[in-house]
Amino acid sequence: DDGASWSAAVDLTPQLATGCNSDAGDRFQLSAGNKVQLASGRMVWVGHRRHKRACGFYSDDGGATYHTTAVFTGNEISLAAGAAPGEVVGSGRGSAVDGGSGHRAFY
């Protein structure tokens, strides 16, 4: 329908620039292929930034509101829904969490 059924644009910055993402000089970057919607409806994705730090973002109400997790060590993490209900599996560059081996790390 050429966008006719879309709602008006909403600036999510105030919701996503909190908690782990509150440093305006060092915001988290989002990678392709890292967004998952679980059977519960929860939308989950991870961003990364310099210094091998990662931050999770999620919404439990279809994207009406968003929340952030605490910062954790990680780099360029991709997500997939796990086998168990509500389980999320992450895979990323491992040098941030495994002593610099360069292998993949799983979260």
C-alpha atoms as a PDB file:
ATOM      1  CA  ASP A   1       0.000   0.000   0.000  1.00  0.00           C
ATOM      2  CA  ASP A   2       3.032   2.258  -0.511  1.00  0.00           C
ATOM      3  CA  GLY A   3       3.258   2.993   3.216  1.00  0.00           C
ATOM      4  CA  ALA A   4      -0.345   4.197   3.564  1.00  0.00           C
ATOM      5  CA  SER A   5      -0.965   1.846   6.528  1.00  0.00           C
ATOM      6  CA  TRP A   6       2.223   2.844   8.369  1.00  0.00           C
ATOM      7  CA  SER A   7       2.027   4.946  11.494  1.00  0.00           C
ATOM      8  CA  ALA A   8       3.877   8.233  11.812  1.00  0.00           C
ATOM      9  CA  ALA A   9       7.612   8.063  12.478  1.00  0.00           C
ATOM     10  CA  VAL A  10       8.577   7.875  16.173  1.00  0.00           C
ATOM     11  CA  ASP A  11      11.958   8.995  17.540  1.00  0.00           C
ATOM     12  CA  LEU A  12      13.126   6.104  19.742  1.00  0.00           C
ATOM     13  CA  THR A  13      16.290   7.868  20.905  1.00  0.00           C
ATOM     14  CA  PRO A  14      14.919   8.830  24.348  1.00  0.00           C
ATOM     15  CA  GLN A  15      14.048   5.175  25.061  1.00  0.00           C
ATOM     16  CA  LEU A  16      17.227   3.650  23.613  1.00  0.00           C
ATOM     17  CA  ALA A  17      19.663   6.258  24.959  1.00  0.00           C
ATOM     18  CA  THR A  18      19.291   5.131  28.570  1.00  0.00           C
ATOM     19  CA  GLY A  19      20.983   2.619  30.843  1.00  0.00           C
ATOM     20  CA  CYS A  20      23.800   0.912  28.960  1.00  0.00           C
ATOM     21  CA  ASN A  21      23.462   3.321  26.030  1.00  0.00           C
ATOM     22  CA  SER A  22      23.502   6.633  27.889  1.00  0.00           C
ATOM     23  CA  ASP A  23      26.963   7.866  26.768  1.00  0.00           C
ATOM     24  CA  ALA A  24      26.146  10.265  23.911  1.00  0.00           C
ATOM     25  CA  GLY A  25      29.786  10.232  22.793  1.00  0.00           C
ATOM     26  CA  ASP A  26      29.920   6.443  22.484  1.00  0.00           C
ATOM     27  CA  ARG A  27      26.551   5.064  21.364  1.00  0.00           C
ATOM     28  CA  PHE A  28      26.090   1.399  20.514  1.00  0.00           C
ATOM     29  CA  GLN A  29      26.100   0.322  16.862  1.00  0.00           C
ATOM     30  CA  LEU A  30      23.644  -2.279  15.594  1.00  0.00           C
ATOM     31  CA  SER A  31      24.787  -5.129  13.385  1.00  0.00           C
ATOM     32  CA  ALA A  32      22.772  -6.784  10.660  1.00  0.00           C
ATOM     33  CA  GLY A  33      21.274 -10.170  11.477  1.00  0.00           C
ATOM     34  CA  ASN A  34      20.993  -9.725  15.214  1.00  0.00           C
ATOM     35  CA  LYS A  35      17.309  -9.047  15.793  1.00  0.00           C
ATOM     36  CA  VAL A  36      14.951 -11.773  17.066  1.00  0.00           C
ATOM     37  CA  GLN A  37      11.279 -11.876  17.980  1.00  0.00           C
ATOM     38  CA  LEU A  38      10.427 -14.660  20.412  1.00  0.00           C
ATOM     39  CA  ALA A  39       7.152 -16.618  20.584  1.00  0.00           C
ATOM     40  CA  SER A  40       6.187 -14.452  23.582  1.00  0.00           C
ATOM     41  CA  GLY A  41       6.344 -11.405  21.301  1.00  0.00           C
ATOM     42  CA  ARG A  42       9.507 -10.032  22.944  1.00  0.00           C
ATOM     43  CA  MET A  43      11.790  -8.334  20.417  1.00  0.00           C
ATOM     44  CA  VAL A  44      15.495  -8.619  21.277  1.00  0.00           C
ATOM     45  CA  TRP A  45      18.665  -7.270  19.676  1.00  0.00           C
ATOM     46  CA  VAL A  46      22.235  -6.454  20.645  1.00  0.00           C
ATOM     47  CA  GLY A  47      24.459  -3.499  19.801  1.00  0.00           C
ATOM     48  CA  HIS A  48      28.223  -3.158  20.167  1.00  0.00           C
ATOM     49  CA  ARG A  49      30.652  -0.276  20.512  1.00  0.00           C
ATOM     50  CA  ARG A  50      34.312   0.431  20.969  1.00  0.00           C
ATOM     51  CA  HIS A  51      36.202  -1.307  23.749  1.00  0.00           C
ATOM     52  CA  LYS A  52      34.404  -4.615  23.060  1.00  0.00           C
ATOM     53  CA  ARG A  53      31.301  -3.678  25.016  1.00  0.00           C
ATOM     54  CA  ALA A  54      27.793  -4.850  24.166  1.00  0.00           C
ATOM     55  CA  CYS A  55      24.292  -3.800  25.183  1.00  0.00           C
ATOM     56  CA  GLY A  56      20.960  -5.583  24.803  1.00  0.00           C
ATOM     57  CA  PHE A  57      17.760  -3.879  23.725  1.00  0.00           C
ATOM     58  CA  TYR A  58      14.261  -5.328  24.034  1.00  0.00           C
ATOM     59  CA  SER A  59      10.548  -4.605  23.796  1.00  0.00           C
ATOM     60  CA  ASP A  60       7.706  -6.600  25.340  1.00  0.00           C
ATOM     61  CA  ASP A  61       4.839  -4.603  23.825  1.00  0.00           C
ATOM     62  CA  GLY A  62       5.326  -4.841  20.073  1.00  0.00           C
ATOM     63  CA  GLY A  63       7.737  -1.931  19.932  1.00  0.00           C
ATOM     64  CA  ALA A  64       5.619   0.633  21.773  1.00  0.00           C
ATOM     65  CA  THR A  65       8.369   0.945  24.415  1.00  0.00           C
ATOM     66  CA  TYR A  66      11.999  -0.221  24.586  1.00  0.00           C
ATOM     67  CA  HIS A  67      14.417  -1.095  27.386  1.00  0.00           C
ATOM     68  CA  THR A  68      18.173  -1.718  27.682  1.00  0.00           C
ATOM     69  CA  THR A  69      20.219  -4.297  29.591  1.00  0.00           C
ATOM     70  CA  ALA A  70      23.395  -3.738  31.555  1.00  0.00           C
ATOM     71  CA  VAL A  71      26.616  -3.434  29.529  1.00  0.00           C
ATOM     72  CA  PHE A  72      28.430  -6.738  29.000  1.00  0.00           C
ATOM     73  CA  THR A  73      31.633  -7.847  27.288  1.00  0.00           C
ATOM     74  CA  GLY A  74      31.045  -8.811  23.659  1.00  0.00           C
ATOM     75  CA  ASN A  75      31.643  -7.830  20.058  1.00  0.00           C
ATOM     76  CA  GLU A  76      29.448  -7.992  16.936  1.00  0.00           C
ATOM     77  CA  ILE A  77      26.958 -10.468  18.368  1.00  0.00           C
ATOM     78  CA  SER A  78      24.342 -12.173  16.204  1.00  0.00           C
ATOM     79  CA  LEU A  79      21.233 -13.668  17.831  1.00  0.00           C
ATOM     80  CA  ALA A  80      18.986 -16.637  17.142  1.00  0.00           C
ATOM     81  CA  ALA A  81      15.970 -18.026  18.955  1.00  0.00           C
ATOM     82  CA  GLY A  82      16.965 -21.074  21.000  1.00  0.00           C
ATOM     83  CA  ALA A  83      15.231 -24.438  21.257  1.00  0.00           C
ATOM     84  CA  ALA A  84      13.635 -23.739  24.641  1.00  0.00           C
ATOM     85  CA  PRO A  85      10.801 -21.203  24.959  1.00  0.00           C
ATOM     86  CA  GLY A  86      12.249 -17.745  25.625  1.00  0.00           C
ATOM     87  CA  GLU A  87      15.829 -18.871  24.999  1.00  0.00           C
ATOM     88  CA  VAL A  88      18.099 -16.627  22.930  1.00  0.00           C
ATOM     89  CA  VAL A  89      21.492 -17.809  21.665  1.00  0.00           C
ATOM     90  CA  GLY A  90      24.193 -15.299  20.750  1.00  0.00           C
ATOM     91  CA  SER A  91      27.407 -15.743  18.776  1.00  0.00           C
ATOM     92  CA  GLY A  92      30.072 -13.073  18.448  1.00  0.00           C
ATOM     93  CA  ARG A  93      33.711 -12.323  17.907  1.00  0.00           C
ATOM     94  CA  GLY A  94      35.386 -14.095  20.775  1.00  0.00           C
ATOM     95  CA  SER A  95      38.487 -12.019  21.412  1.00  0.00           C
ATOM     96  CA  ALA A  96      36.570  -9.886  23.901  1.00  0.00           C
ATOM     97  CA  VAL A  97      35.576 -12.791  26.120  1.00  0.00           C
ATOM     98  CA  ASP A  98      38.000 -15.659  25.602  1.00  0.00           C
ATOM     99  CA  GLY A  99      41.406 -14.134  26.238  1.00  0.00           C
ATOM    100  CA  GLY A 100      42.087 -13.105  22.654  1.00  0.00           C
ATOM    101  CA  SER A 101      41.954 -16.465  20.864  1.00  0.00           C
ATOM    102  CA  GLY A 102      39.932 -14.994  18.004  1.00  0.00           C
ATOM    103  CA  HIS A 103      37.426 -17.880  18.088  1.00  0.00           C
ATOM    104  CA  ARG A 104      33.672 -17.338  18.196  1.00  0.00           C
ATOM    105  CA  ALA A 105      32.134 -16.772  21.622  1.00  0.00           C
ATOM    106  CA  PHE A 106      28.658 -17.950  22.553  1.00  0.00           C
ATOM    107  CA  TYR A 107      26.364 -16.121  24.918  1.00  0.00           C
END
